[in-house]
């Protein structure tokens, strides 16, 4: 009997995955299942924690070296769309100059992911906002250290 239940569970999981791919697209689906650049960064040069209107929280951590992002990581307690958007924002930040980071916004994240359903698009703006807050934190720390 447990094999029958296991088979049912496996088929149900496959169906859920296929429906998710149709609704969200391959890029979002894969970043939800296996997000890149997710985690915390001890001794980050810039960090943030932003909670969106939906209740999801996104954190960003930046390690800066020579005016470039050496490493960017994110963490979220949110949904699959928040995870996918945080992952894409962190990927877009890798190796970029501080000026280039300032240009990463919600529209760019949505474009790179291939879009999201309208009710989930706010996740891209949450990720972009958290990234920008981490950059702002870096600049504030630099200013305090130089005073």
C-alpha atoms as a PDB file:
ATOM      1  CA  UNK A   1       0.000   0.000   0.000  1.00  0.00           C
ATOM      2  CA  UNK A   2       2.829   2.433   0.748  1.00  0.00           C
ATOM      3  CA  UNK A   3       4.168   2.007  -2.801  1.00  0.00           C
ATOM      4  CA  UNK A   4       0.799   3.083  -4.156  1.00  0.00           C
ATOM      5  CA  UNK A   5       0.805   6.105  -1.876  1.00  0.00           C
ATOM      6  CA  UNK A   6       4.393   6.913  -2.859  1.00  0.00           C
ATOM      7  CA  UNK A   7       3.494   6.648  -6.545  1.00  0.00           C
ATOM      8  CA  UNK A   8       0.492   8.926  -6.015  1.00  0.00           C
ATOM      9  CA  UNK A   9       2.644  11.480  -4.184  1.00  0.00           C
ATOM     10  CA  UNK A  10       5.268  11.386  -6.940  1.00  0.00           C
ATOM     11  CA  UNK A  11       2.668  11.911  -9.677  1.00  0.00           C
ATOM     12  CA  UNK A  12       1.058  14.735  -7.713  1.00  0.00           C
ATOM     13  CA  UNK A  13       4.448  16.413  -7.272  1.00  0.00           C
ATOM     14  CA  UNK A  14       5.148  16.127 -10.997  1.00  0.00           C
ATOM     15  CA  UNK A  15       1.755  17.672 -11.766  1.00  0.00           C
ATOM     16  CA  UNK A  16       2.394  20.560  -9.374  1.00  0.00           C
ATOM     17  CA  UNK A  17       5.807  21.176 -10.938  1.00  0.00           C
ATOM     18  CA  UNK A  18       4.364  21.178 -14.478  1.00  0.00           C
ATOM     19  CA  UNK A  19       1.594  23.604 -13.513  1.00  0.00           C
ATOM     20  CA  UNK A  20       4.127  25.847 -11.773  1.00  0.00           C
ATOM     21  CA  UNK A  21       6.365  25.891 -14.869  1.00  0.00           C
ATOM     22  CA  UNK A  22       3.366  26.875 -17.026  1.00  0.00           C
ATOM     23  CA  UNK A  23       2.273  29.649 -14.686  1.00  0.00           C
ATOM     24  CA  UNK A  24       5.692  31.093 -13.839  1.00  0.00           C
ATOM     25  CA  UNK A  25       8.057  29.983 -16.602  1.00  0.00           C
ATOM     26  CA  UNK A  26      11.191  27.883 -16.554  1.00  0.00           C
ATOM     27  CA  UNK A  27      13.539  30.546 -15.138  1.00  0.00           C
ATOM     28  CA  UNK A  28      11.364  31.287 -12.108  1.00  0.00           C
ATOM     29  CA  UNK A  29      10.640  27.596 -11.542  1.00  0.00           C
ATOM     30  CA  UNK A  30      14.317  26.624 -11.502  1.00  0.00           C
ATOM     31  CA  UNK A  31      15.344  29.516  -9.252  1.00  0.00           C
ATOM     32  CA  UNK A  32      12.558  28.589  -6.862  1.00  0.00           C
ATOM     33  CA  UNK A  33      13.752  24.977  -6.665  1.00  0.00           C
ATOM     34  CA  UNK A  34      17.478  25.721  -6.655  1.00  0.00           C
ATOM     35  CA  UNK A  35      18.068  29.384  -5.857  1.00  0.00           C
ATOM     36  CA  UNK A  36      21.519  30.744  -6.573  1.00  0.00           C
ATOM     37  CA  UNK A  37      23.344  33.119  -4.233  1.00  0.00           C
ATOM     38  CA  UNK A  38      21.090  32.403  -1.242  1.00  0.00           C
ATOM     39  CA  UNK A  39      22.574  32.711   2.224  1.00  0.00           C
ATOM     40  CA  UNK A  40      24.019  35.126   4.744  1.00  0.00           C
ATOM     41  CA  UNK A  41      27.382  36.828   4.448  1.00  0.00           C
ATOM     42  CA  UNK A  42      29.275  37.384   7.708  1.00  0.00           C
ATOM     43  CA  UNK A  43      31.080  40.724   7.809  1.00  0.00           C
ATOM     44  CA  UNK A  44      29.166  42.105   4.841  1.00  0.00           C
ATOM     45  CA  UNK A  45      30.209  45.579   3.728  1.00  0.00           C
ATOM     46  CA  UNK A  46      26.575  46.450   3.102  1.00  0.00           C
ATOM     47  CA  UNK A  47      23.440  44.700   4.272  1.00  0.00           C
ATOM     48  CA  UNK A  48      19.714  45.240   4.445  1.00  0.00           C
ATOM     49  CA  UNK A  49      16.483  43.762   5.663  1.00  0.00           C
ATOM     50  CA  UNK A  50      13.292  44.898   3.967  1.00  0.00           C
ATOM     51  CA  UNK A  51       9.753  43.656   4.524  1.00  0.00           C
ATOM     52  CA  UNK A  52       7.299  44.135   1.683  1.00  0.00           C
ATOM     53  CA  UNK A  53       3.599  44.955   1.851  1.00  0.00           C
ATOM     54  CA  UNK A  54       2.892  41.252   1.296  1.00  0.00           C
ATOM     55  CA  UNK A  55       4.749  40.350   4.496  1.00  0.00           C
ATOM     56  CA  UNK A  56       7.750  38.722   2.791  1.00  0.00           C
ATOM     57  CA  UNK A  57      11.136  39.751   4.149  1.00  0.00           C
ATOM     58  CA  UNK A  58      14.218  40.002   1.937  1.00  0.00           C
ATOM     59  CA  UNK A  59      17.769  40.442   3.191  1.00  0.00           C
ATOM     60  CA  UNK A  60      20.779  41.362   1.062  1.00  0.00           C
ATOM     61  CA  UNK A  61      24.472  41.100   1.834  1.00  0.00           C
ATOM     62  CA  UNK A  62      27.228  42.731  -0.233  1.00  0.00           C
ATOM     63  CA  UNK A  63      30.979  42.245  -0.114  1.00  0.00           C
ATOM     64  CA  UNK A  64      32.673  45.119  -1.938  1.00  0.00           C
ATOM     65  CA  UNK A  65      36.240  45.102  -3.253  1.00  0.00           C
ATOM     66  CA  UNK A  66      37.723  47.936  -5.288  1.00  0.00           C
ATOM     67  CA  UNK A  67      34.373  49.611  -6.034  1.00  0.00           C
ATOM     68  CA  UNK A  68      32.930  46.344  -7.356  1.00  0.00           C
ATOM     69  CA  UNK A  69      30.636  43.750  -5.844  1.00  0.00           C
ATOM     70  CA  UNK A  70      32.820  40.786  -5.040  1.00  0.00           C
ATOM     71  CA  UNK A  71      29.902  38.783  -3.650  1.00  0.00           C
ATOM     72  CA  UNK A  72      26.163  39.323  -3.270  1.00  0.00           C
ATOM     73  CA  UNK A  73      23.892  37.000  -1.308  1.00  0.00           C
ATOM     74  CA  UNK A  74      20.241  37.202  -0.356  1.00  0.00           C
ATOM     75  CA  UNK A  75      17.854  35.498   2.016  1.00  0.00           C
ATOM     76  CA  UNK A  76      14.064  35.562   2.112  1.00  0.00           C
ATOM     77  CA  UNK A  77      11.291  34.024   4.176  1.00  0.00           C
ATOM     78  CA  UNK A  78       8.940  34.619   1.275  1.00  0.00           C
ATOM     79  CA  UNK A  79       7.297  32.686  -1.501  1.00  0.00           C
ATOM     80  CA  UNK A  80       8.849  31.081  -4.555  1.00  0.00           C
ATOM     81  CA  UNK A  81       8.573  34.327  -6.511  1.00  0.00           C
ATOM     82  CA  UNK A  82      10.474  36.215  -3.807  1.00  0.00           C
ATOM     83  CA  UNK A  83      13.138  33.523  -3.844  1.00  0.00           C
ATOM     84  CA  UNK A  84      13.465  33.652  -7.635  1.00  0.00           C
ATOM     85  CA  UNK A  85      13.629  37.458  -7.639  1.00  0.00           C
ATOM     86  CA  UNK A  86      16.206  37.595  -4.833  1.00  0.00           C
ATOM     87  CA  UNK A  87      18.299  35.023  -6.673  1.00  0.00           C
ATOM     88  CA  UNK A  88      18.175  37.013  -9.913  1.00  0.00           C
ATOM     89  CA  UNK A  89      18.957  40.314  -8.167  1.00  0.00           C
ATOM     90  CA  UNK A  90      21.999  38.753  -6.480  1.00  0.00           C
ATOM     91  CA  UNK A  91      23.155  37.272  -9.780  1.00  0.00           C
ATOM     92  CA  UNK A  92      22.804  40.626 -11.517  1.00  0.00           C
ATOM     93  CA  UNK A  93      24.923  42.243  -8.783  1.00  0.00           C
ATOM     94  CA  UNK A  94      27.854  39.818  -9.000  1.00  0.00           C
ATOM     95  CA  UNK A  95      31.012  41.561 -10.216  1.00  0.00           C
ATOM     96  CA  UNK A  96      29.243  44.800 -11.036  1.00  0.00           C
ATOM     97  CA  UNK A  97      30.477  48.290 -10.230  1.00  0.00           C
ATOM     98  CA  UNK A  98      28.625  50.257  -7.578  1.00  0.00           C
ATOM     99  CA  UNK A  99      27.192  52.489 -10.316  1.00  0.00           C
ATOM    100  CA  UNK A 100      25.889  49.468 -12.200  1.00  0.00           C
ATOM    101  CA  UNK A 101      24.237  48.136  -9.032  1.00  0.00           C
ATOM    102  CA  UNK A 102      22.276  51.360  -8.727  1.00  0.00           C
ATOM    103  CA  UNK A 103      20.635  50.530 -12.087  1.00  0.00           C
ATOM    104  CA  UNK A 104      19.220  47.171 -10.963  1.00  0.00           C
ATOM    105  CA  UNK A 105      15.485  47.626 -10.519  1.00  0.00           C
ATOM    106  CA  UNK A 106      12.308  45.585 -10.422  1.00  0.00           C
ATOM    107  CA  UNK A 107      11.678  45.932 -14.149  1.00  0.00           C
ATOM    108  CA  UNK A 108      15.119  44.522 -14.978  1.00  0.00           C
ATOM    109  CA  UNK A 109      14.621  41.580 -12.618  1.00  0.00           C
ATOM    110  CA  UNK A 110      11.222  40.823 -14.196  1.00  0.00           C
ATOM    111  CA  UNK A 111      12.717  41.043 -17.688  1.00  0.00           C
ATOM    112  CA  UNK A 112      15.587  38.688 -16.831  1.00  0.00           C
ATOM    113  CA  UNK A 113      13.190  36.166 -15.287  1.00  0.00           C
ATOM    114  CA  UNK A 114      10.813  36.336 -18.232  1.00  0.00           C
ATOM    115  CA  UNK A 115       8.072  37.962 -16.158  1.00  0.00           C
ATOM    116  CA  UNK A 116       5.792  36.950 -13.323  1.00  0.00           C
ATOM    117  CA  UNK A 117       2.021  36.915 -12.901  1.00  0.00           C
ATOM    118  CA  UNK A 118       0.791  40.437 -12.107  1.00  0.00           C
ATOM    119  CA  UNK A 119      -0.045  39.578  -8.481  1.00  0.00           C
ATOM    120  CA  UNK A 120       3.546  38.392  -7.913  1.00  0.00           C
ATOM    121  CA  UNK A 121       5.460  41.193  -9.650  1.00  0.00           C
ATOM    122  CA  UNK A 122       5.908  43.080  -6.383  1.00  0.00           C
ATOM    123  CA  UNK A 123       8.498  40.429  -5.435  1.00  0.00           C
ATOM    124  CA  UNK A 124      10.897  41.826  -8.055  1.00  0.00           C
ATOM    125  CA  UNK A 125      10.565  45.299  -6.555  1.00  0.00           C
ATOM    126  CA  UNK A 126      11.112  43.902  -3.058  1.00  0.00           C
ATOM    127  CA  UNK A 127      14.343  42.233  -4.214  1.00  0.00           C
ATOM    128  CA  UNK A 128      15.534  45.373  -6.014  1.00  0.00           C
ATOM    129  CA  UNK A 129      14.664  47.518  -2.994  1.00  0.00           C
ATOM    130  CA  UNK A 130      16.558  45.242  -0.624  1.00  0.00           C
ATOM    131  CA  UNK A 131      19.590  45.298  -2.940  1.00  0.00           C
ATOM    132  CA  UNK A 132      19.477  49.104  -3.110  1.00  0.00           C
ATOM    133  CA  UNK A 133      19.174  49.322   0.692  1.00  0.00           C
ATOM    134  CA  UNK A 134      22.296  47.152   1.058  1.00  0.00           C
ATOM    135  CA  UNK A 135      24.136  49.482  -1.326  1.00  0.00           C
ATOM    136  CA  UNK A 136      22.907  52.496   0.668  1.00  0.00           C
ATOM    137  CA  UNK A 137      24.109  50.810   3.874  1.00  0.00           C
ATOM    138  CA  UNK A 138      27.551  50.332   2.296  1.00  0.00           C
ATOM    139  CA  UNK A 139      27.775  54.036   1.401  1.00  0.00           C
ATOM    140  CA  UNK A 140      26.582  55.068   4.882  1.00  0.00           C
ATOM    141  CA  UNK A 141      29.251  52.882   6.495  1.00  0.00           C
ATOM    142  CA  UNK A 142      31.927  54.384   4.234  1.00  0.00           C
ATOM    143  CA  UNK A 143      30.837  57.888   5.165  1.00  0.00           C
ATOM    144  CA  UNK A 144      30.840  57.069   8.909  1.00  0.00           C
ATOM    145  CA  UNK A 145      34.259  55.432   8.677  1.00  0.00           C
ATOM    146  CA  UNK A 146      35.738  58.480   6.954  1.00  0.00           C
ATOM    147  CA  UNK A 147      34.431  60.971   9.532  1.00  0.00           C
END
